[in-house]
PDB file of all heavy atoms in Angstrom:
ATOM      1  N   ASP A   1     -29.365  51.796 -28.069  1.00  0.00           N
ATOM      2  CA  ASP A   1     -28.467  52.298 -29.103  1.00  0.00           C
ATOM      3  C   ASP A   1     -29.225  52.895 -30.273  1.00  0.00           C
ATOM      4  O   ASP A   1     -28.825  53.910 -30.823  1.00  0.00           O
ATOM      5  CB  ASP A   1     -27.548  51.165 -29.569  1.00  0.00           C
ATOM      6  CG  ASP A   1     -26.526  51.615 -30.575  1.00  0.00           C
ATOM      7  OD1 ASP A   1     -26.869  52.338 -31.510  1.00  0.00           O
ATOM      8  OD2 ASP A   1     -25.351  51.240 -30.423  1.00  0.00           O
ATOM      9  N   GLY A   2     -30.281  52.268 -30.686  1.00  0.00           N
ATOM     10  CA  GLY A   2     -31.025  52.762 -31.853  1.00  0.00           C
ATOM     11  C   GLY A   2     -30.633  52.050 -33.112  1.00  0.00           C
ATOM     12  O   GLY A   2     -31.456  51.642 -33.893  1.00  0.00           O
ATOM     13  N   ALA A   3     -29.347  51.880 -33.333  1.00  0.00           N
ATOM     14  CA  ALA A   3     -28.875  51.177 -34.533  1.00  0.00           C
ATOM     15  C   ALA A   3     -28.782  49.683 -34.247  1.00  0.00           C
ATOM     16  O   ALA A   3     -29.215  48.860 -35.047  1.00  0.00           O
ATOM     17  CB  ALA A   3     -27.510  51.703 -34.961  1.00  0.00           C
ATOM     18  N   CYS A   4     -28.219  49.336 -33.114  1.00  0.00           N
ATOM     19  CA  CYS A   4     -28.004  47.914 -32.861  1.00  0.00           C
ATOM     20  C   CYS A   4     -27.621  47.694 -31.400  1.00  0.00           C
ATOM     21  O   CYS A   4     -26.490  47.902 -31.009  1.00  0.00           O
ATOM     22  CB  CYS A   4     -26.899  47.404 -33.778  1.00  0.00           C
ATOM     23  SG  CYS A   4     -26.798  45.622 -33.824  1.00  0.00           S
ATOM     24  N   GLY A   5     -28.596  47.296 -30.567  1.00  0.00           N
ATOM     25  CA  GLY A   5     -28.285  46.877 -29.229  1.00  0.00           C
ATOM     26  C   GLY A   5     -28.681  47.844 -28.133  1.00  0.00           C
ATOM     27  O   GLY A   5     -29.181  48.926 -28.380  1.00  0.00           O
ATOM     28  N   TYR A   6     -28.439  47.372 -26.903  1.00  0.00           N
ATOM     29  CA  TYR A   6     -28.742  48.165 -25.714  1.00  0.00           C
ATOM     30  C   TYR A   6     -27.972  47.631 -24.527  1.00  0.00           C
ATOM     31  O   TYR A   6     -27.437  46.539 -24.556  1.00  0.00           O
ATOM     32  CB  TYR A   6     -30.253  48.169 -25.414  1.00  0.00           C
ATOM     33  CG  TYR A   6     -30.792  46.835 -24.937  1.00  0.00           C
ATOM     34  CD1 TYR A   6     -30.823  46.525 -23.587  1.00  0.00           C
ATOM     35  CD2 TYR A   6     -31.285  45.904 -25.834  1.00  0.00           C
ATOM     36  CE1 TYR A   6     -31.316  45.298 -23.140  1.00  0.00           C
ATOM     37  CE2 TYR A   6     -31.785  44.691 -25.399  1.00  0.00           C
ATOM     38  CZ  TYR A   6     -31.797  44.391 -24.071  1.00  0.00           C
ATOM     39  OH  TYR A   6     -32.283  43.198 -23.614  1.00  0.00           O
ATOM     40  N   ILE A   7     -27.931  48.439 -23.448  1.00  0.00           N
ATOM     41  CA  ILE A   7     -27.405  48.048 -22.155  1.00  0.00           C
ATOM     42  C   ILE A   7     -28.487  48.389 -21.146  1.00  0.00           C
ATOM     43  O   ILE A   7     -29.057  49.484 -21.186  1.00  0.00           O
ATOM     44  CB  ILE A   7     -26.106  48.818 -21.807  1.00  0.00           C
ATOM     45  CG1 ILE A   7     -25.000  48.483 -22.795  1.00  0.00           C
ATOM     46  CG2 ILE A   7     -25.675  48.529 -20.372  1.00  0.00           C
ATOM     47  CD1 ILE A   7     -23.762  49.355 -22.633  1.00  0.00           C
ATOM     48  N   TYR A   8     -28.782  47.446 -20.238  1.00  0.00           N
ATOM     49  CA  TYR A   8     -29.867  47.653 -19.275  1.00  0.00           C
ATOM     50  C   TYR A   8     -29.493  47.036 -17.934  1.00  0.00           C
ATOM     51  O   TYR A   8     -29.632  45.822 -17.764  1.00  0.00           O
ATOM     52  CB  TYR A   8     -31.142  47.053 -19.841  1.00  0.00           C
ATOM     53  CG  TYR A   8     -32.378  47.181 -18.985  1.00  0.00           C
ATOM     54  CD1 TYR A   8     -32.644  48.314 -18.238  1.00  0.00           C
ATOM     55  CD2 TYR A   8     -33.314  46.162 -18.951  1.00  0.00           C
ATOM     56  CE1 TYR A   8     -33.791  48.429 -17.477  1.00  0.00           C
ATOM     57  CE2 TYR A   8     -34.483  46.269 -18.188  1.00  0.00           C
ATOM     58  CZ  TYR A   8     -34.700  47.394 -17.455  1.00  0.00           C
ATOM     59  OH  TYR A   8     -35.829  47.497 -16.708  1.00  0.00           O
ATOM     60  N   PRO A   9     -28.994  47.819 -16.951  1.00  0.00           N
ATOM     61  CA  PRO A   9     -28.733  47.279 -15.619  1.00  0.00           C
ATOM     62  C   PRO A   9     -30.046  47.190 -14.829  1.00  0.00           C
ATOM     63  O   PRO A   9     -30.868  48.105 -14.887  1.00  0.00           O
ATOM     64  CB  PRO A   9     -27.797  48.309 -14.997  1.00  0.00           C
ATOM     65  CG  PRO A   9     -28.157  49.602 -15.664  1.00  0.00           C
ATOM     66  CD  PRO A   9     -28.627  49.231 -17.059  1.00  0.00           C
ATOM     67  N   LEU A  10     -30.245  46.068 -14.141  1.00  0.00           N
ATOM     68  CA  LEU A  10     -31.473  45.953 -13.363  1.00  0.00           C
ATOM     69  C   LEU A  10     -31.273  45.051 -12.152  1.00  0.00           C
ATOM     70  O   LEU A  10     -30.299  44.321 -12.058  1.00  0.00           O
ATOM     71  CB  LEU A  10     -32.640  45.424 -14.222  1.00  0.00           C
ATOM     72  CG  LEU A  10     -32.601  43.986 -14.666  1.00  0.00           C
ATOM     73  CD1 LEU A  10     -34.023  43.446 -14.730  1.00  0.00           C
ATOM     74  CD2 LEU A  10     -31.999  43.868 -16.057  1.00  0.00           C
ATOM     75  N   SER A  11     -32.187  45.151 -11.229  1.00  0.00           N
ATOM     76  CA  SER A  11     -32.270  44.307 -10.037  1.00  0.00           C
ATOM     77  C   SER A  11     -31.031  44.404  -9.143  1.00  0.00           C
ATOM     78  O   SER A  11     -30.385  43.405  -8.843  1.00  0.00           O
ATOM     79  CB  SER A  11     -32.522  42.866 -10.490  1.00  0.00           C
ATOM     80  OG  SER A  11     -33.055  42.098  -9.465  1.00  0.00           O
ATOM     81  N   PRO A  12     -30.661  45.611  -8.655  1.00  0.00           N
ATOM     82  CA  PRO A  12     -29.449  45.743  -7.848  1.00  0.00           C
ATOM     83  C   PRO A  12     -29.597  45.205  -6.432  1.00  0.00           C
ATOM     84  O   PRO A  12     -30.664  45.285  -5.828  1.00  0.00           O
ATOM     85  CB  PRO A  12     -29.209  47.253  -7.814  1.00  0.00           C
ATOM     86  CG  PRO A  12     -30.583  47.826  -7.893  1.00  0.00           C
ATOM     87  CD  PRO A  12     -31.364  46.897  -8.816  1.00  0.00           C
ATOM     88  N   THR A  13     -28.517  44.634  -5.926  1.00  0.00           N
ATOM     89  CA  THR A  13     -28.371  44.250  -4.523  1.00  0.00           C
ATOM     90  C   THR A  13     -27.097  44.922  -4.023  1.00  0.00           C
ATOM     91  O   THR A  13     -26.037  44.759  -4.623  1.00  0.00           O
ATOM     92  CB  THR A  13     -28.233  42.718  -4.376  1.00  0.00           C
ATOM     93  OG1 THR A  13     -29.398  42.085  -4.898  1.00  0.00           O
ATOM     94  CG2 THR A  13     -28.064  42.336  -2.908  1.00  0.00           C
ATOM     95  N   THR A  14     -27.179  45.662  -2.935  1.00  0.00           N
ATOM     96  CA  THR A  14     -26.024  46.350  -2.386  1.00  0.00           C
ATOM     97  C   THR A  14     -25.067  45.349  -1.771  1.00  0.00           C
ATOM     98  O   THR A  14     -25.466  44.503  -0.981  1.00  0.00           O
ATOM     99  CB  THR A  14     -26.456  47.391  -1.330  1.00  0.00           C
ATOM    100  OG1 THR A  14     -27.417  48.268  -1.930  1.00  0.00           O
ATOM    101  CG2 THR A  14     -25.270  48.192  -0.823  1.00  0.00           C
ATOM    102  N   ILE A  15     -23.781  45.448  -2.139  1.00  0.00           N
ATOM    103  CA  ILE A  15     -22.705  44.594  -1.624  1.00  0.00           C
ATOM    104  C   ILE A  15     -21.589  45.520  -1.149  1.00  0.00           C
ATOM    105  O   ILE A  15     -20.913  46.136  -1.981  1.00  0.00           O
ATOM    106  CB  ILE A  15     -22.160  43.634  -2.724  1.00  0.00           C
ATOM    107  CG1 ILE A  15     -23.274  42.787  -3.336  1.00  0.00           C
ATOM    108  CG2 ILE A  15     -21.016  42.789  -2.168  1.00  0.00           C
ATOM    109  CD1 ILE A  15     -23.931  41.827  -2.404  1.00  0.00           C
ATOM    110  N   GLY A  16     -21.378  45.625   0.144  1.00  0.00           N
ATOM    111  CA  GLY A  16     -20.349  46.539   0.672  1.00  0.00           C
ATOM    112  C   GLY A  16     -20.615  47.972   0.203  1.00  0.00           C
ATOM    113  O   GLY A  16     -21.660  48.532   0.458  1.00  0.00           O
ATOM    114  N   LEU A  17     -19.643  48.531  -0.538  1.00  0.00           N
ATOM    115  CA  LEU A  17     -19.805  49.852  -1.140  1.00  0.00           C
ATOM    116  C   LEU A  17     -20.026  49.732  -2.646  1.00  0.00           C
ATOM    117  O   LEU A  17     -19.768  50.649  -3.410  1.00  0.00           O
ATOM    118  CB  LEU A  17     -18.583  50.720  -0.852  1.00  0.00           C
ATOM    119  CG  LEU A  17     -18.372  51.077   0.615  1.00  0.00           C
ATOM    120  CD1 LEU A  17     -17.065  51.832   0.814  1.00  0.00           C
ATOM    121  CD2 LEU A  17     -19.535  51.888   1.156  1.00  0.00           C
ATOM    122  N   GLY A  18     -20.505  48.573  -3.078  1.00  0.00           N
ATOM    123  CA  GLY A  18     -20.771  48.313  -4.488  1.00  0.00           C
ATOM    124  C   GLY A  18     -22.121  47.637  -4.643  1.00  0.00           C
ATOM    125  O   GLY A  18     -22.994  47.759  -3.787  1.00  0.00           O
ATOM    126  N   ALA A  19     -22.258  46.877  -5.746  1.00  0.00           N
ATOM    127  CA  ALA A  19     -23.531  46.232  -6.002  1.00  0.00           C
ATOM    128  C   ALA A  19     -23.354  44.979  -6.843  1.00  0.00           C
ATOM    129  O   ALA A  19     -22.369  44.813  -7.564  1.00  0.00           O
ATOM    130  CB  ALA A  19     -24.477  47.182  -6.708  1.00  0.00           C
ATOM    131  N   PHE A  20     -24.331  44.095  -6.737  1.00  0.00           N
ATOM    132  CA  PHE A  20     -24.555  42.956  -7.621  1.00  0.00           C
ATOM    133  C   PHE A  20     -25.793  43.310  -8.429  1.00  0.00           C
ATOM    134  O   PHE A  20     -26.735  43.908  -7.900  1.00  0.00           O
ATOM    135  CB  PHE A  20     -24.800  41.705  -6.759  1.00  0.00           C
ATOM    136  CG  PHE A  20     -25.462  40.582  -7.505  1.00  0.00           C
ATOM    137  CD1 PHE A  20     -24.727  39.674  -8.241  1.00  0.00           C
ATOM    138  CD2 PHE A  20     -26.856  40.451  -7.484  1.00  0.00           C
ATOM    139  CE1 PHE A  20     -25.354  38.662  -8.927  1.00  0.00           C
ATOM    140  CE2 PHE A  20     -27.476  39.433  -8.160  1.00  0.00           C
ATOM    141  CZ  PHE A  20     -26.725  38.529  -8.891  1.00  0.00           C
ATOM    142  N   TRP A  21     -25.835  42.957  -9.730  1.00  0.00           N
ATOM    143  CA  TRP A  21     -26.992  43.257 -10.544  1.00  0.00           C
ATOM    144  C   TRP A  21     -27.039  42.352 -11.771  1.00  0.00           C
ATOM    145  O   TRP A  21     -26.089  41.640 -12.069  1.00  0.00           O
ATOM    146  CB  TRP A  21     -27.047  44.731 -10.957  1.00  0.00           C
ATOM    147  CG  TRP A  21     -26.014  45.159 -11.966  1.00  0.00           C
ATOM    148  CD1 TRP A  21     -26.188  45.271 -13.323  1.00  0.00           C
ATOM    149  CD2 TRP A  21     -24.669  45.566 -11.733  1.00  0.00           C
ATOM    150  NE1 TRP A  21     -25.045  45.733 -13.924  1.00  0.00           N
ATOM    151  CE2 TRP A  21     -24.097  45.914 -12.968  1.00  0.00           C
ATOM    152  CE3 TRP A  21     -23.897  45.684 -10.566  1.00  0.00           C
ATOM    153  CZ2 TRP A  21     -22.781  46.353 -13.095  1.00  0.00           C
ATOM    154  CZ3 TRP A  21     -22.585  46.117 -10.699  1.00  0.00           C
ATOM    155  CH2 TRP A  21     -22.042  46.457 -11.937  1.00  0.00           C
ATOM    156  N   ILE A  22     -28.160  42.420 -12.478  1.00  0.00           N
ATOM    157  CA  ILE A  22     -28.264  41.761 -13.771  1.00  0.00           C
ATOM    158  C   ILE A  22     -27.794  42.779 -14.814  1.00  0.00           C
ATOM    159  O   ILE A  22     -28.347  43.870 -14.911  1.00  0.00           O
ATOM    160  CB  ILE A  22     -29.714  41.316 -14.085  1.00  0.00           C
ATOM    161  CG1 ILE A  22     -30.182  40.274 -13.093  1.00  0.00           C
ATOM    162  CG2 ILE A  22     -29.801  40.771 -15.520  1.00  0.00           C
ATOM    163  CD1 ILE A  22     -31.651  39.911 -13.222  1.00  0.00           C
ATOM    164  N   ALA A  23     -26.768  42.408 -15.548  1.00  0.00           N
ATOM    165  CA  ALA A  23     -26.242  43.251 -16.624  1.00  0.00           C
ATOM    166  C   ALA A  23     -26.845  42.711 -17.914  1.00  0.00           C
ATOM    167  O   ALA A  23     -26.283  41.815 -18.543  1.00  0.00           O
ATOM    168  CB  ALA A  23     -24.713  43.202 -16.642  1.00  0.00           C
ATOM    169  N   ALA A  24     -27.991  43.240 -18.273  1.00  0.00           N
ATOM    170  CA  ALA A  24     -28.667  42.794 -19.490  1.00  0.00           C
ATOM    171  C   ALA A  24     -28.264  43.671 -20.634  1.00  0.00           C
ATOM    172  O   ALA A  24     -27.919  44.834 -20.466  1.00  0.00           O
ATOM    173  CB  ALA A  24     -30.188  42.834 -19.282  1.00  0.00           C
ATOM    174  N   GLY A  25     -28.332  43.091 -21.823  1.00  0.00           N
ATOM    175  CA  GLY A  25     -28.023  43.874 -22.996  1.00  0.00           C
ATOM    176  C   GLY A  25     -28.110  43.060 -24.255  1.00  0.00           C
ATOM    177  O   GLY A  25     -28.381  41.852 -24.216  1.00  0.00           O
ATOM    178  N   SER A  26     -27.899  43.731 -25.338  1.00  0.00           N
ATOM    179  CA  SER A  26     -27.913  43.082 -26.624  1.00  0.00           C
ATOM    180  C   SER A  26     -26.766  43.644 -27.460  1.00  0.00           C
ATOM    181  O   SER A  26     -26.782  44.844 -27.752  1.00  0.00           O
ATOM    182  CB  SER A  26     -29.244  43.324 -27.337  1.00  0.00           C
ATOM    183  OG  SER A  26     -29.192  42.818 -28.639  1.00  0.00           O
ATOM    184  N   PRO A  27     -25.790  42.812 -27.805  1.00  0.00           N
ATOM    185  CA  PRO A  27     -24.739  43.309 -28.696  1.00  0.00           C
ATOM    186  C   PRO A  27     -25.323  43.768 -30.035  1.00  0.00           C
ATOM    187  O   PRO A  27     -24.858  44.707 -30.616  1.00  0.00           O
ATOM    188  CB  PRO A  27     -23.811  42.122 -28.884  1.00  0.00           C
ATOM    189  CG  PRO A  27     -24.046  41.287 -27.668  1.00  0.00           C
ATOM    190  CD  PRO A  27     -25.511  41.471 -27.336  1.00  0.00           C
ATOM    191  N   CYS A  28     -26.382  43.095 -30.494  1.00  0.00           N
ATOM    192  CA  CYS A  28     -27.085  43.555 -31.692  1.00  0.00           C
ATOM    193  C   CYS A  28     -28.368  42.781 -31.939  1.00  0.00           C
ATOM    194  O   CYS A  28     -29.396  43.380 -32.181  1.00  0.00           O
ATOM    195  CB  CYS A  28     -26.198  43.451 -32.927  1.00  0.00           C
ATOM    196  SG  CYS A  28     -26.873  44.362 -34.331  1.00  0.00           S
ATOM    197  N   ASP A  29     -28.343  41.467 -31.869  1.00  0.00           N
ATOM    198  CA  ASP A  29     -29.504  40.732 -32.334  1.00  0.00           C
ATOM    199  C   ASP A  29     -30.144  39.787 -31.320  1.00  0.00           C
ATOM    200  O   ASP A  29     -31.142  39.168 -31.579  1.00  0.00           O
ATOM    201  CB  ASP A  29     -29.141  39.929 -33.580  1.00  0.00           C
ATOM    202  CG  ASP A  29     -27.999  38.955 -33.331  1.00  0.00           C
ATOM    203  OD1 ASP A  29     -27.407  38.980 -32.235  1.00  0.00           O
ATOM    204  OD2 ASP A  29     -27.709  38.150 -34.215  1.00  0.00           O
ATOM    205  N   GLN A  30     -29.548  39.624 -30.136  1.00  0.00           N
ATOM    206  CA  GLN A  30     -30.104  38.707 -29.160  1.00  0.00           C
ATOM    207  C   GLN A  30     -29.852  39.218 -27.748  1.00  0.00           C
ATOM    208  O   GLN A  30     -28.736  39.622 -27.410  1.00  0.00           O
ATOM    209  CB  GLN A  30     -29.461  37.311 -29.298  1.00  0.00           C
ATOM    210  CG  GLN A  30     -30.044  36.243 -28.401  1.00  0.00           C
ATOM    211  CD  GLN A  30     -31.492  35.905 -28.758  1.00  0.00           C
ATOM    212  OE1 GLN A  30     -31.873  35.891 -29.905  1.00  0.00           O
ATOM    213  NE2 GLN A  30     -32.300  35.644 -27.747  1.00  0.00           N
ATOM    214  N   THR A  31     -30.878  39.198 -26.911  1.00  0.00           N
ATOM    215  CA  THR A  31     -30.730  39.625 -25.531  1.00  0.00           C
ATOM    216  C   THR A  31     -29.860  38.651 -24.748  1.00  0.00           C
ATOM    217  O   THR A  31     -30.019  37.440 -24.876  1.00  0.00           O
ATOM    218  CB  THR A  31     -32.114  39.749 -24.861  1.00  0.00           C
ATOM    219  OG1 THR A  31     -32.810  40.830 -25.478  1.00  0.00           O
ATOM    220  CG2 THR A  31     -31.990  40.022 -23.364  1.00  0.00           C
ATOM    221  N   ILE A  32     -28.967  39.187 -23.959  1.00  0.00           N
ATOM    222  CA  ILE A  32     -28.064  38.414 -23.089  1.00  0.00           C
ATOM    223  C   ILE A  32     -28.233  38.960 -21.674  1.00  0.00           C
ATOM    224  O   ILE A  32     -28.321  40.183 -21.490  1.00  0.00           O
ATOM    225  CB  ILE A  32     -26.597  38.544 -23.519  1.00  0.00           C
ATOM    226  CG1 ILE A  32     -26.412  38.004 -24.938  1.00  0.00           C
ATOM    227  CG2 ILE A  32     -25.665  37.854 -22.541  1.00  0.00           C
ATOM    228  CD1 ILE A  32     -25.069  38.365 -25.548  1.00  0.00           C
ATOM    229  N   THR A  33     -28.281  38.075 -20.687  1.00  0.00           N
ATOM    230  CA  THR A  33     -28.279  38.552 -19.288  1.00  0.00           C
ATOM    231  C   THR A  33     -27.105  37.883 -18.586  1.00  0.00           C
ATOM    232  O   THR A  33     -26.957  36.674 -18.608  1.00  0.00           O
ATOM    233  CB  THR A  33     -29.597  38.242 -18.565  1.00  0.00           C
ATOM    234  OG1 THR A  33     -29.885  36.858 -18.646  1.00  0.00           O
ATOM    235  CG2 THR A  33     -30.750  39.023 -19.145  1.00  0.00           C
ATOM    236  N   ASP A  34     -26.270  38.710 -18.005  1.00  0.00           N
ATOM    237  CA  ASP A  34     -25.141  38.270 -17.178  1.00  0.00           C
ATOM    238  C   ASP A  34     -25.394  38.758 -15.756  1.00  0.00           C
ATOM    239  O   ASP A  34     -26.135  39.709 -15.533  1.00  0.00           O
ATOM    240  CB  ASP A  34     -23.832  38.883 -17.674  1.00  0.00           C
ATOM    241  CG  ASP A  34     -23.382  38.361 -19.026  1.00  0.00           C
ATOM    242  OD1 ASP A  34     -23.838  37.270 -19.420  1.00  0.00           O
ATOM    243  OD2 ASP A  34     -22.588  39.058 -19.673  1.00  0.00           O
ATOM    244  N   PHE A  35     -24.722  38.126 -14.797  1.00  0.00           N
ATOM    245  CA  PHE A  35     -24.693  38.644 -13.455  1.00  0.00           C
ATOM    246  C   PHE A  35     -23.417  39.454 -13.310  1.00  0.00           C
ATOM    247  O   PHE A  35     -22.367  39.046 -13.792  1.00  0.00           O
ATOM    248  CB  PHE A  35     -24.728  37.521 -12.408  1.00  0.00           C
ATOM    249  CG  PHE A  35     -25.995  36.722 -12.448  1.00  0.00           C
ATOM    250  CD1 PHE A  35     -25.960  35.359 -12.654  1.00  0.00           C
ATOM    251  CD2 PHE A  35     -27.227  37.317 -12.268  1.00  0.00           C
ATOM    252  CE1 PHE A  35     -27.118  34.612 -12.700  1.00  0.00           C
ATOM    253  CE2 PHE A  35     -28.402  36.576 -12.305  1.00  0.00           C
ATOM    254  CZ  PHE A  35     -28.345  35.213 -12.520  1.00  0.00           C
ATOM    255  N   ALA A  36     -23.491  40.610 -12.663  1.00  0.00           N
ATOM    256  CA  ALA A  36     -22.330  41.478 -12.489  1.00  0.00           C
ATOM    257  C   ALA A  36     -22.185  41.845 -11.028  1.00  0.00           C
ATOM    258  O   ALA A  36     -23.179  41.943 -10.303  1.00  0.00           O
ATOM    259  CB  ALA A  36     -22.501  42.736 -13.342  1.00  0.00           C
ATOM    260  N   LEU A  37     -20.942  42.039 -10.610  1.00  0.00           N
ATOM    261  CA  LEU A  37     -20.645  42.443  -9.231  1.00  0.00           C
ATOM    262  C   LEU A  37     -19.467  43.394  -9.280  1.00  0.00           C
ATOM    263  O   LEU A  37     -18.432  43.074  -9.877  1.00  0.00           O
ATOM    264  CB  LEU A  37     -20.327  41.220  -8.385  1.00  0.00           C
ATOM    265  CG  LEU A  37     -20.272  41.496  -6.872  1.00  0.00           C
ATOM    266  CD1 LEU A  37     -20.720  40.258  -6.128  1.00  0.00           C
ATOM    267  CD2 LEU A  37     -18.908  41.914  -6.421  1.00  0.00           C
ATOM    268  N   SER A  38     -19.639  44.549  -8.677  1.00  0.00           N
ATOM    269  CA  SER A  38     -18.544  45.513  -8.615  1.00  0.00           C
ATOM    270  C   SER A  38     -18.512  46.175  -7.254  1.00  0.00           C
ATOM    271  O   SER A  38     -19.525  46.742  -6.809  1.00  0.00           O
ATOM    272  CB  SER A  38     -18.710  46.594  -9.701  1.00  0.00           C
ATOM    273  OG  SER A  38     -17.589  47.456  -9.695  1.00  0.00           O
TER     274      SER A  38
END
């Protein structure tokens, strides 16, 4: 973002016609990592 935060998808695994991945990011002051599946 530059002002506050970021979004960083990483480590994809293909699932059907979608993927599982680590949805990393920072709303502003602390890194958070979630698991995502779509």
